[in-house]
C-alpha atoms as a PDB file:
ATOM      1  CA  UNK A   1      85.156  12.821  98.238  1.00  0.00           C
ATOM      2  CA  UNK A   2      87.865  15.140  96.915  1.00  0.00           C
ATOM      3  CA  UNK A   3      90.498  16.176  99.416  1.00  0.00           C
ATOM      4  CA  UNK A   4      91.108  19.947  99.759  1.00  0.00           C
ATOM      5  CA  UNK A   5      94.744  19.481  98.745  1.00  0.00           C
ATOM      6  CA  UNK A   6      93.581  17.901  95.468  1.00  0.00           C
ATOM      7  CA  UNK A   7      91.373  20.905  94.760  1.00  0.00           C
ATOM      8  CA  UNK A   8      94.366  23.219  95.281  1.00  0.00           C
ATOM      9  CA  UNK A   9      96.480  21.134  92.898  1.00  0.00           C
ATOM     10  CA  UNK A  10      93.801  21.314  90.191  1.00  0.00           C
ATOM     11  CA  UNK A  11      93.205  25.051  90.549  1.00  0.00           C
ATOM     12  CA  UNK A  12      96.819  26.200  91.096  1.00  0.00           C
ATOM     13  CA  UNK A  13      99.118  23.564  89.625  1.00  0.00           C
ATOM     14  CA  UNK A  14     102.084  25.943  89.259  1.00  0.00           C
ATOM     15  CA  UNK A  15     102.043  26.850  92.932  1.00  0.00           C
ATOM     16  CA  UNK A  16     101.928  23.284  94.167  1.00  0.00           C
ATOM     17  CA  UNK A  17     104.341  21.596  91.764  1.00  0.00           C
ATOM     18  CA  UNK A  18     107.129  24.198  91.325  1.00  0.00           C
ATOM     19  CA  UNK A  19     110.046  24.274  93.737  1.00  0.00           C
ATOM     20  CA  UNK A  20     112.416  27.170  94.420  1.00  0.00           C
ATOM     21  CA  UNK A  21     115.554  26.898  92.332  1.00  0.00           C
ATOM     22  CA  UNK A  22     119.090  27.632  93.471  1.00  0.00           C
ATOM     23  CA  UNK A  23     120.191  31.227  94.016  1.00  0.00           C
ATOM     24  CA  UNK A  24     122.112  32.441  90.945  1.00  0.00           C
ATOM     25  CA  UNK A  25     125.847  32.601  91.429  1.00  0.00           C
ATOM     26  CA  UNK A  26     127.315  36.115  91.235  1.00  0.00           C
ATOM     27  CA  UNK A  27     130.745  36.184  89.592  1.00  0.00           C
ATOM     28  CA  UNK A  28     132.795  39.333  90.392  1.00  0.00           C
ATOM     29  CA  UNK A  29     134.012  41.368  87.448  1.00  0.00           C
ATOM     30  CA  UNK A  30     137.713  40.985  86.629  1.00  0.00           C
ATOM     31  CA  UNK A  31     140.245  43.695  87.416  1.00  0.00           C
ATOM     32  CA  UNK A  32     140.218  46.611  84.993  1.00  0.00           C
ATOM     33  CA  UNK A  33     143.567  48.055  83.949  1.00  0.00           C
ATOM     34  CA  UNK A  34     144.256  51.499  82.515  1.00  0.00           C
ATOM     35  CA  UNK A  35     147.687  51.174  80.934  1.00  0.00           C
ATOM     36  CA  UNK A  36     149.739  53.096  78.433  1.00  0.00           C
ATOM     37  CA  UNK A  37     150.130  51.828  74.881  1.00  0.00           C
ATOM     38  CA  UNK A  38     152.586  52.307  72.039  1.00  0.00           C
ATOM     39  CA  UNK A  39     151.429  55.908  71.547  1.00  0.00           C
ATOM     40  CA  UNK A  40     152.516  56.866  75.044  1.00  0.00           C
ATOM     41  CA  UNK A  41     155.813  54.986  74.753  1.00  0.00           C
ATOM     42  CA  UNK A  42     156.735  56.777  71.541  1.00  0.00           C
ATOM     43  CA  UNK A  43     155.807  60.120  73.069  1.00  0.00           C
ATOM     44  CA  UNK A  44     158.016  59.457  76.085  1.00  0.00           C
ATOM     45  CA  UNK A  45     160.995  58.564  73.883  1.00  0.00           C
ATOM     46  CA  UNK A  46     160.482  61.682  71.779  1.00  0.00           C
ATOM     47  CA  UNK A  47     160.416  63.837  74.906  1.00  0.00           C
ATOM     48  CA  UNK A  48     163.579  62.191  76.198  1.00  0.00           C
ATOM     49  CA  UNK A  49     165.343  63.043  72.933  1.00  0.00           C
ATOM     50  CA  UNK A  50     163.944  66.592  72.888  1.00  0.00           C
ATOM     51  CA  UNK A  51     164.953  67.348  76.475  1.00  0.00           C
ATOM     52  CA  UNK A  52     168.436  65.941  75.855  1.00  0.00           C
ATOM     53  CA  UNK A  53     168.820  68.069  72.732  1.00  0.00           C
ATOM     54  CA  UNK A  54     167.730  71.227  74.530  1.00  0.00           C
ATOM     55  CA  UNK A  55     170.161  70.467  77.363  1.00  0.00           C
ATOM     56  CA  UNK A  56     172.994  70.370  74.837  1.00  0.00           C
ATOM     57  CA  UNK A  57     171.800  73.621  73.249  1.00  0.00           C
ATOM     58  CA  UNK A  58     171.657  75.413  76.605  1.00  0.00           C
ATOM     59  CA  UNK A  59     175.111  74.135  77.512  1.00  0.00           C
ATOM     60  CA  UNK A  60     176.499  75.434  74.201  1.00  0.00           C
ATOM     61  CA  UNK A  61     174.880  78.829  74.762  1.00  0.00           C
ATOM     62  CA  UNK A  62     176.873  79.152  77.982  1.00  0.00           C
ATOM     63  CA  UNK A  63     180.178  78.309  76.288  1.00  0.00           C
ATOM     64  CA  UNK A  64     181.350  81.906  75.812  1.00  0.00           C
ATOM     65  CA  UNK A  65     179.657  83.274  78.942  1.00  0.00           C
ATOM     66  CA  UNK A  66     181.845  83.890  82.019  1.00  0.00           C
ATOM     67  CA  UNK A  67     181.171  81.517  84.899  1.00  0.00           C
ATOM     68  CA  UNK A  68     180.093  84.421  87.082  1.00  0.00           C
ATOM     69  CA  UNK A  69     177.257  85.191  84.630  1.00  0.00           C
ATOM     70  CA  UNK A  70     176.081  81.639  83.953  1.00  0.00           C
ATOM     71  CA  UNK A  71     173.342  81.526  86.589  1.00  0.00           C
ATOM     72  CA  UNK A  72     170.457  81.270  84.126  1.00  0.00           C
ATOM     73  CA  UNK A  73     172.407  78.920  81.867  1.00  0.00           C
ATOM     74  CA  UNK A  74     173.080  76.524  84.732  1.00  0.00           C
ATOM     75  CA  UNK A  75     169.484  76.495  85.967  1.00  0.00           C
ATOM     76  CA  UNK A  76     167.889  76.070  82.537  1.00  0.00           C
ATOM     77  CA  UNK A  77     170.306  73.283  81.609  1.00  0.00           C
ATOM     78  CA  UNK A  78     169.598  71.541  84.914  1.00  0.00           C
ATOM     79  CA  UNK A  79     165.848  71.784  84.265  1.00  0.00           C
ATOM     80  CA  UNK A  80     165.923  70.069  80.878  1.00  0.00           C
ATOM     81  CA  UNK A  81     168.576  67.567  81.936  1.00  0.00           C
ATOM     82  CA  UNK A  82     166.571  66.410  84.956  1.00  0.00           C
ATOM     83  CA  UNK A  83     163.475  66.198  82.774  1.00  0.00           C
ATOM     84  CA  UNK A  84     165.376  64.145  80.191  1.00  0.00           C
ATOM     85  CA  UNK A  85     166.379  61.633  82.856  1.00  0.00           C
ATOM     86  CA  UNK A  86     162.809  61.389  84.105  1.00  0.00           C
ATOM     87  CA  UNK A  87     161.482  60.801  80.592  1.00  0.00           C
ATOM     88  CA  UNK A  88     164.118  58.148  79.992  1.00  0.00           C
ATOM     89  CA  UNK A  89     162.943  56.325  83.111  1.00  0.00           C
ATOM     90  CA  UNK A  90     159.306  56.535  82.019  1.00  0.00           C
ATOM     91  CA  UNK A  91     160.065  55.479  78.443  1.00  0.00           C
ATOM     92  CA  UNK A  92     162.152  52.533  79.634  1.00  0.00           C
ATOM     93  CA  UNK A  93     159.262  51.312  81.788  1.00  0.00           C
ATOM     94  CA  UNK A  94     160.990  51.540  85.156  1.00  0.00           C
ATOM     95  CA  UNK A  95     159.343  54.670  86.565  1.00  0.00           C
ATOM     96  CA  UNK A  96     155.676  53.809  86.961  1.00  0.00           C
ATOM     97  CA  UNK A  97     153.432  51.729  89.182  1.00  0.00           C
ATOM     98  CA  UNK A  98     149.753  50.841  89.522  1.00  0.00           C
ATOM     99  CA  UNK A  99     147.312  52.761  91.670  1.00  0.00           C
ATOM    100  CA  UNK A 100     144.364  50.454  92.410  1.00  0.00           C
ATOM    101  CA  UNK A 101     141.046  50.953  94.168  1.00  0.00           C
ATOM    102  CA  UNK A 102     137.987  48.773  94.696  1.00  0.00           C
ATOM    103  CA  UNK A 103     134.764  49.549  92.827  1.00  0.00           C
ATOM    104  CA  UNK A 104     131.367  48.252  94.016  1.00  0.00           C
ATOM    105  CA  UNK A 105     129.210  46.424  91.472  1.00  0.00           C
ATOM    106  CA  UNK A 106     125.493  46.517  92.314  1.00  0.00           C
ATOM    107  CA  UNK A 107     123.500  43.667  90.733  1.00  0.00           C
ATOM    108  CA  UNK A 108     120.025  44.242  92.181  1.00  0.00           C
ATOM    109  CA  UNK A 109     117.169  41.696  92.324  1.00  0.00           C
ATOM    110  CA  UNK A 110     118.270  40.676  95.795  1.00  0.00           C
ATOM    111  CA  UNK A 111     121.712  39.605  94.611  1.00  0.00           C
ATOM    112  CA  UNK A 112     124.711  40.526  96.756  1.00  0.00           C
ATOM    113  CA  UNK A 113     127.052  43.314  95.635  1.00  0.00           C
ATOM    114  CA  UNK A 114     130.525  42.427  94.444  1.00  0.00           C
ATOM    115  CA  UNK A 115     133.730  44.388  94.037  1.00  0.00           C
ATOM    116  CA  UNK A 116     136.389  44.597  91.371  1.00  0.00           C
ATOM    117  CA  UNK A 117     139.686  46.481  91.230  1.00  0.00           C
ATOM    118  CA  UNK A 118     140.420  49.307  88.832  1.00  0.00           C
ATOM    119  CA  UNK A 119     144.151  49.908  88.422  1.00  0.00           C
ATOM    120  CA  UNK A 120     145.675  52.873  86.610  1.00  0.00           C
ATOM    121  CA  UNK A 121     149.300  53.274  85.626  1.00  0.00           C
ATOM    122  CA  UNK A 122     150.882  56.249  87.403  1.00  0.00           C
ATOM    123  CA  UNK A 123     154.243  57.608  86.275  1.00  0.00           C
ATOM    124  CA  UNK A 124     155.763  58.586  89.626  1.00  0.00           C
ATOM    125  CA  UNK A 125     158.962  59.801  87.880  1.00  0.00           C
ATOM    126  CA  UNK A 126     156.923  62.712  86.541  1.00  0.00           C
ATOM    127  CA  UNK A 127     156.515  64.031  90.078  1.00  0.00           C
ATOM    128  CA  UNK A 128     160.219  63.551  90.783  1.00  0.00           C
ATOM    129  CA  UNK A 129     160.864  65.611  87.656  1.00  0.00           C
ATOM    130  CA  UNK A 130     158.534  68.387  88.788  1.00  0.00           C
ATOM    131  CA  UNK A 131     159.866  68.548  92.331  1.00  0.00           C
ATOM    132  CA  UNK A 132     163.382  69.100  90.938  1.00  0.00           C
ATOM    133  CA  UNK A 133     162.693  71.311  87.931  1.00  0.00           C
ATOM    134  CA  UNK A 134     159.812  73.610  88.845  1.00  0.00           C
ATOM    135  CA  UNK A 135     161.684  75.209  91.775  1.00  0.00           C
ATOM    136  CA  UNK A 136     164.500  76.101  89.352  1.00  0.00           C
ATOM    137  CA  UNK A 137     162.017  77.757  86.999  1.00  0.00           C
ATOM    138  CA  UNK A 138     160.649  79.797  89.912  1.00  0.00           C
ATOM    139  CA  UNK A 139     164.189  80.633  90.978  1.00  0.00           C
ATOM    140  CA  UNK A 140     164.847  82.088  87.533  1.00  0.00           C
ATOM    141  CA  UNK A 141     161.767  84.288  87.798  1.00  0.00           C
ATOM    142  CA  UNK A 142     162.705  85.453  91.287  1.00  0.00           C
ATOM    143  CA  UNK A 143     166.297  86.241  90.275  1.00  0.00           C
ATOM    144  CA  UNK A 144     165.134  88.110  87.198  1.00  0.00           C
ATOM    145  CA  UNK A 145     162.741  90.251  89.231  1.00  0.00           C
ATOM    146  CA  UNK A 146     165.070  90.680  92.188  1.00  0.00           C
ATOM    147  CA  UNK A 147     162.758  89.081  94.773  1.00  0.00           C
ATOM    148  CA  UNK A 148     164.330  88.892  98.228  1.00  0.00           C
ATOM    149  CA  UNK A 149     165.626  85.603  99.563  1.00  0.00           C
ATOM    150  CA  UNK A 150     162.879  85.108 102.162  1.00  0.00           C
ATOM    151  CA  UNK A 151     160.002  85.251  99.710  1.00  0.00           C
ATOM    152  CA  UNK A 152     161.960  83.262  97.144  1.00  0.00           C
ATOM    153  CA  UNK A 153     162.476  80.468  99.654  1.00  0.00           C
ATOM    154  CA  UNK A 154     158.794  80.494 100.652  1.00  0.00           C
ATOM    155  CA  UNK A 155     157.764  80.250  96.988  1.00  0.00           C
ATOM    156  CA  UNK A 156     160.083  77.289  96.430  1.00  0.00           C
ATOM    157  CA  UNK A 157     158.767  75.485  99.522  1.00  0.00           C
ATOM    158  CA  UNK A 158     155.163  76.068  98.458  1.00  0.00           C
ATOM    159  CA  UNK A 159     156.035  74.666  95.050  1.00  0.00           C
ATOM    160  CA  UNK A 160     157.520  71.498  96.543  1.00  0.00           C
ATOM    161  CA  UNK A 161     154.420  71.037  98.720  1.00  0.00           C
ATOM    162  CA  UNK A 162     152.248  71.455  95.624  1.00  0.00           C
ATOM    163  CA  UNK A 163     154.057  68.713  93.708  1.00  0.00           C
ATOM    164  CA  UNK A 164     154.276  66.246  96.609  1.00  0.00           C
ATOM    165  CA  UNK A 165     150.588  66.720  97.406  1.00  0.00           C
ATOM    166  CA  UNK A 166     149.850  65.841  93.796  1.00  0.00           C
ATOM    167  CA  UNK A 167     151.860  62.634  94.126  1.00  0.00           C
ATOM    168  CA  UNK A 168     150.017  61.638  97.309  1.00  0.00           C
ATOM    169  CA  UNK A 169     146.678  62.410  95.656  1.00  0.00           C
ATOM    170  CA  UNK A 170     147.495  60.176  92.691  1.00  0.00           C
ATOM    171  CA  UNK A 171     147.954  57.204  95.037  1.00  0.00           C
ATOM    172  CA  UNK A 172     145.202  58.150  97.482  1.00  0.00           C
ATOM    173  CA  UNK A 173     142.233  55.905  98.228  1.00  0.00           C
ATOM    174  CA  UNK A 174     139.383  56.450  95.791  1.00  0.00           C
ATOM    175  CA  UNK A 175     136.188  58.068  97.039  1.00  0.00           C
ATOM    176  CA  UNK A 176     137.743  59.363 100.243  1.00  0.00           C
ATOM    177  CA  UNK A 177     138.656  62.762 101.575  1.00  0.00           C
ATOM    178  CA  UNK A 178     142.288  61.670 101.413  1.00  0.00           C
ATOM    179  CA  UNK A 179     142.604  61.913  97.621  1.00  0.00           C
ATOM    180  CA  UNK A 180     140.732  65.171  97.160  1.00  0.00           C
ATOM    181  CA  UNK A 181     142.188  66.586 100.355  1.00  0.00           C
ATOM    182  CA  UNK A 182     145.677  66.300  98.891  1.00  0.00           C
ATOM    183  CA  UNK A 183     144.370  67.829  95.688  1.00  0.00           C
ATOM    184  CA  UNK A 184     143.105  70.867  97.614  1.00  0.00           C
ATOM    185  CA  UNK A 185     146.461  71.168  99.397  1.00  0.00           C
ATOM    186  CA  UNK A 186     148.249  71.117  96.041  1.00  0.00           C
ATOM    187  CA  UNK A 187     145.976  73.858  94.700  1.00  0.00           C
ATOM    188  CA  UNK A 188     146.642  75.966  97.795  1.00  0.00           C
ATOM    189  CA  UNK A 189     150.365  75.468  97.200  1.00  0.00           C
ATOM    190  CA  UNK A 190     149.925  76.834  93.695  1.00  0.00           C
ATOM    191  CA  UNK A 191     148.069  79.873  95.096  1.00  0.00           C
ATOM    192  CA  UNK A 192     150.971  80.560  97.464  1.00  0.00           C
ATOM    193  CA  UNK A 193     153.428  80.292  94.569  1.00  0.00           C
ATOM    194  CA  UNK A 194     151.443  82.834  92.562  1.00  0.00           C
ATOM    195  CA  UNK A 195     151.197  85.067  95.609  1.00  0.00           C
ATOM    196  CA  UNK A 196     154.910  85.154  96.389  1.00  0.00           C
ATOM    197  CA  UNK A 197     156.220  85.235  92.842  1.00  0.00           C
ATOM    198  CA  UNK A 198     153.519  87.378  91.298  1.00  0.00           C
ATOM    199  CA  UNK A 199     153.010  89.957  94.042  1.00  0.00           C
ATOM    200  CA  UNK A 200     156.543  90.337  95.350  1.00  0.00           C
ATOM    201  CA  UNK A 201     158.034  89.916  91.904  1.00  0.00           C
ATOM    202  CA  UNK A 202     155.883  92.749  90.564  1.00  0.00           C
ATOM    203  CA  UNK A 203     157.013  95.011  93.389  1.00  0.00           C
ATOM    204  CA  UNK A 204     160.691  94.119  93.058  1.00  0.00           C
ATOM    205  CA  UNK A 205     160.920  94.393  89.263  1.00  0.00           C
ATOM    206  CA  UNK A 206     159.641  97.987  89.356  1.00  0.00           C
ATOM    207  CA  UNK A 207     163.118  99.029  90.483  1.00  0.00           C
ATOM    208  CA  UNK A 208     164.683  97.616  87.316  1.00  0.00           C
ATOM    209  CA  UNK A 209     164.886  98.886  83.750  1.00  0.00           C
ATOM    210  CA  UNK A 210     161.757  98.910  81.614  1.00  0.00           C
ATOM    211  CA  UNK A 211     163.079  96.167  79.309  1.00  0.00           C
ATOM    212  CA  UNK A 212     163.724  93.878  82.274  1.00  0.00           C
ATOM    213  CA  UNK A 213     160.312  94.607  83.748  1.00  0.00           C
ATOM    214  CA  UNK A 214     158.601  93.808  80.466  1.00  0.00           C
ATOM    215  CA  UNK A 215     160.555  90.590  80.010  1.00  0.00           C
ATOM    216  CA  UNK A 216     159.799  89.453  83.552  1.00  0.00           C
ATOM    217  CA  UNK A 217     156.092  90.206  83.220  1.00  0.00           C
ATOM    218  CA  UNK A 218     155.889  88.232  79.985  1.00  0.00           C
ATOM    219  CA  UNK A 219     157.741  85.214  81.406  1.00  0.00           C
ATOM    220  CA  UNK A 220     155.820  85.266  84.698  1.00  0.00           C
ATOM    221  CA  UNK A 221     152.391  85.470  83.075  1.00  0.00           C
ATOM    222  CA  UNK A 222     153.374  82.799  80.559  1.00  0.00           C
ATOM    223  CA  UNK A 223     154.671  80.420  83.236  1.00  0.00           C
ATOM    224  CA  UNK A 224     151.972  80.850  85.880  1.00  0.00           C
ATOM    225  CA  UNK A 225     149.177  80.647  83.301  1.00  0.00           C
ATOM    226  CA  UNK A 226     150.729  77.535  81.787  1.00  0.00           C
ATOM    227  CA  UNK A 227     151.096  75.934  85.200  1.00  0.00           C
ATOM    228  CA  UNK A 228     147.377  76.450  85.810  1.00  0.00           C
ATOM    229  CA  UNK A 229     146.719  73.825  83.127  1.00  0.00           C
ATOM    230  CA  UNK A 230     148.626  71.144  85.074  1.00  0.00           C
ATOM    231  CA  UNK A 231     146.148  70.732  87.969  1.00  0.00           C
ATOM    232  CA  UNK A 232     143.254  70.658  85.482  1.00  0.00           C
ATOM    233  CA  UNK A 233     144.790  67.777  83.537  1.00  0.00           C
ATOM    234  CA  UNK A 234     145.879  66.185  86.791  1.00  0.00           C
ATOM    235  CA  UNK A 235     142.364  66.321  88.276  1.00  0.00           C
ATOM    236  CA  UNK A 236     140.677  64.947  85.160  1.00  0.00           C
ATOM    237  CA  UNK A 237     143.255  62.212  84.476  1.00  0.00           C
ATOM    238  CA  UNK A 238     144.969  61.029  87.655  1.00  0.00           C
ATOM    239  CA  UNK A 239     142.196  61.799  90.130  1.00  0.00           C
ATOM    240  CA  UNK A 240     138.874  61.435  88.295  1.00  0.00           C
ATOM    241  CA  UNK A 241     140.331  58.997  85.742  1.00  0.00           C
ATOM    242  CA  UNK A 242     138.206  60.374  82.928  1.00  0.00           C
ATOM    243  CA  UNK A 243     140.931  60.085  80.278  1.00  0.00           C
ATOM    244  CA  UNK A 244     143.162  57.208  79.257  1.00  0.00           C
ATOM    245  CA  UNK A 245     146.847  57.084  80.120  1.00  0.00           C
ATOM    246  CA  UNK A 246     147.955  57.812  76.543  1.00  0.00           C
ATOM    247  CA  UNK A 247     146.034  61.096  76.451  1.00  0.00           C
ATOM    248  CA  UNK A 248     147.485  62.071  79.815  1.00  0.00           C
ATOM    249  CA  UNK A 249     151.036  61.390  78.618  1.00  0.00           C
ATOM    250  CA  UNK A 250     150.607  63.398  75.401  1.00  0.00           C
ATOM    251  CA  UNK A 251     149.077  66.424  77.149  1.00  0.00           C
ATOM    252  CA  UNK A 252     151.772  66.484  79.821  1.00  0.00           C
ATOM    253  CA  UNK A 253     154.428  66.171  77.117  1.00  0.00           C
ATOM    254  CA  UNK A 254     153.148  69.289  75.354  1.00  0.00           C
ATOM    255  CA  UNK A 255     152.930  71.214  78.636  1.00  0.00           C
ATOM    256  CA  UNK A 256     156.438  70.156  79.676  1.00  0.00           C
ATOM    257  CA  UNK A 257     157.949  71.301  76.395  1.00  0.00           C
ATOM    258  CA  UNK A 258     156.279  74.696  76.738  1.00  0.00           C
ATOM    259  CA  UNK A 259     157.108  75.081  80.429  1.00  0.00           C
ATOM    260  CA  UNK A 260     160.764  74.001  80.354  1.00  0.00           C
ATOM    261  CA  UNK A 261     162.803  74.201  77.108  1.00  0.00           C
ATOM    262  CA  UNK A 262     160.667  76.924  75.501  1.00  0.00           C
ATOM    263  CA  UNK A 263     160.776  78.969  78.691  1.00  0.00           C
ATOM    264  CA  UNK A 264     164.523  78.398  79.017  1.00  0.00           C
ATOM    265  CA  UNK A 265     165.244  79.328  75.408  1.00  0.00           C
ATOM    266  CA  UNK A 266     163.138  82.477  75.742  1.00  0.00           C
ATOM    267  CA  UNK A 267     164.962  83.457  78.929  1.00  0.00           C
ATOM    268  CA  UNK A 268     168.489  82.835  77.624  1.00  0.00           C
ATOM    269  CA  UNK A 269     167.998  84.571  74.284  1.00  0.00           C
ATOM    270  CA  UNK A 270     166.420  87.600  75.967  1.00  0.00           C
ATOM    271  CA  UNK A 271     169.058  87.578  78.709  1.00  0.00           C
ATOM    272  CA  UNK A 272     171.829  87.746  76.116  1.00  0.00           C
ATOM    273  CA  UNK A 273     170.158  90.730  74.417  1.00  0.00           C
ATOM    274  CA  UNK A 274     169.352  92.696  77.589  1.00  0.00           C
ATOM    275  CA  UNK A 275     172.471  93.585  79.551  1.00  0.00           C
ATOM    276  CA  UNK A 276     170.419  94.722  82.553  1.00  0.00           C
ATOM    277  CA  UNK A 277     169.425  91.124  83.264  1.00  0.00           C
ATOM    278  CA  UNK A 278     172.990  90.097  84.077  1.00  0.00           C
ATOM    279  CA  UNK A 279     173.509  88.597  87.527  1.00  0.00           C
ATOM    280  CA  UNK A 280     177.198  88.417  88.263  1.00  0.00           C
ATOM    281  CA  UNK A 281     178.147  86.150  91.148  1.00  0.00           C
ATOM    282  CA  UNK A 282     181.670  86.023  92.414  1.00  0.00           C
ATOM    283  CA  UNK A 283     183.164  84.296  95.427  1.00  0.00           C
ATOM    284  CA  UNK A 284     182.533  80.590  95.777  1.00  0.00           C
ATOM    285  CA  UNK A 285     180.194  80.481  92.735  1.00  0.00           C
ATOM    286  CA  UNK A 286     182.916  81.340  90.222  1.00  0.00           C
ATOM    287  CA  UNK A 287     186.217  81.114  92.114  1.00  0.00           C
ATOM    288  CA  UNK A 288     185.759  78.390  94.714  1.00  0.00           C
ATOM    289  CA  UNK A 289     186.995  78.573  98.277  1.00  0.00           C
ATOM    290  CA  UNK A 290     189.910  80.939  98.970  1.00  0.00           C
ATOM    291  CA  UNK A 291     193.332  79.397  99.426  1.00  0.00           C
ATOM    292  CA  UNK A 292     194.370  81.599 102.331  1.00  0.00           C
ATOM    293  CA  UNK A 293     194.118  80.147 105.766  1.00  0.00           C
ATOM    294  CA  UNK A 294     194.163  76.490 104.747  1.00  0.00           C
ATOM    295  CA  UNK A 295     196.213  74.214 106.960  1.00  0.00           C
ATOM    296  CA  UNK A 296     198.394  71.775 105.065  1.00  0.00           C
ATOM    297  CA  UNK A 297     199.462  68.772 107.090  1.00  0.00           C
ATOM    298  CA  UNK A 298     203.113  67.881 106.761  1.00  0.00           C
ATOM    299  CA  UNK A 299     204.137  71.188 105.200  1.00  0.00           C
ATOM    300  CA  UNK A 300     207.463  72.509 106.409  1.00  0.00           C
ATOM    301  CA  UNK A 301     207.649  75.953 108.032  1.00  0.00           C
END
């Protein structure tokens, strides 16, 4: 007589003879790096040379200008000089770090999920550059229009908040409200800058000559429109990471040249041709502290 188990083996041999195999091993993906290449390095060195050259040009343009009238020359030279130092640091490889975040890898078929790191090179010296130079550009616009000190100071503070928020966003945790929250704060800072410089500058410059008003309007529209491109590139590159580091470096290089040396050259050449733009500062700016009233120890009566 045939046993029931034998019947099952004859009818369904695969079910009775096969044994479950081992669970496949899931190997996590290696860390992905988004780093700059030779294209970015060459671009950084070119920008360092360009900013240094423009600094020398701006300094030479101030050679025959009295110290009391060198306000714009000093600010524009400081802008390109600070930018040159920042680009030297980035080109030399000592002004960047990695911003890493974990990415989930879903394998399906009952296999456990794994994680791998994605690290992108962030040039933090770029933000140091912006936090030093962009307030000076705004200061030039405010001085040219004649904006009062209170609104000038508020515009400069909003600008610093904008840049620092961008730095925090670049290093923020991926996929969290932290990163995009800082991005929103930076955009609000830009709105405040436009508000204070654009609105109050327009009101203040109406009291000046027509040539000054026209020059200020051209520079203000040029600068604020150009600055609007920065958060777009910043959101696509540093935050969403949709472009490689080389593309980010090249785009920022073009924007920096337009926003700093080209702006400065435009301002200084126009300032020299329009006498109404002169801002003459005396006192400590051009003469230092007064000598009267100083106490000299050991001096005989």
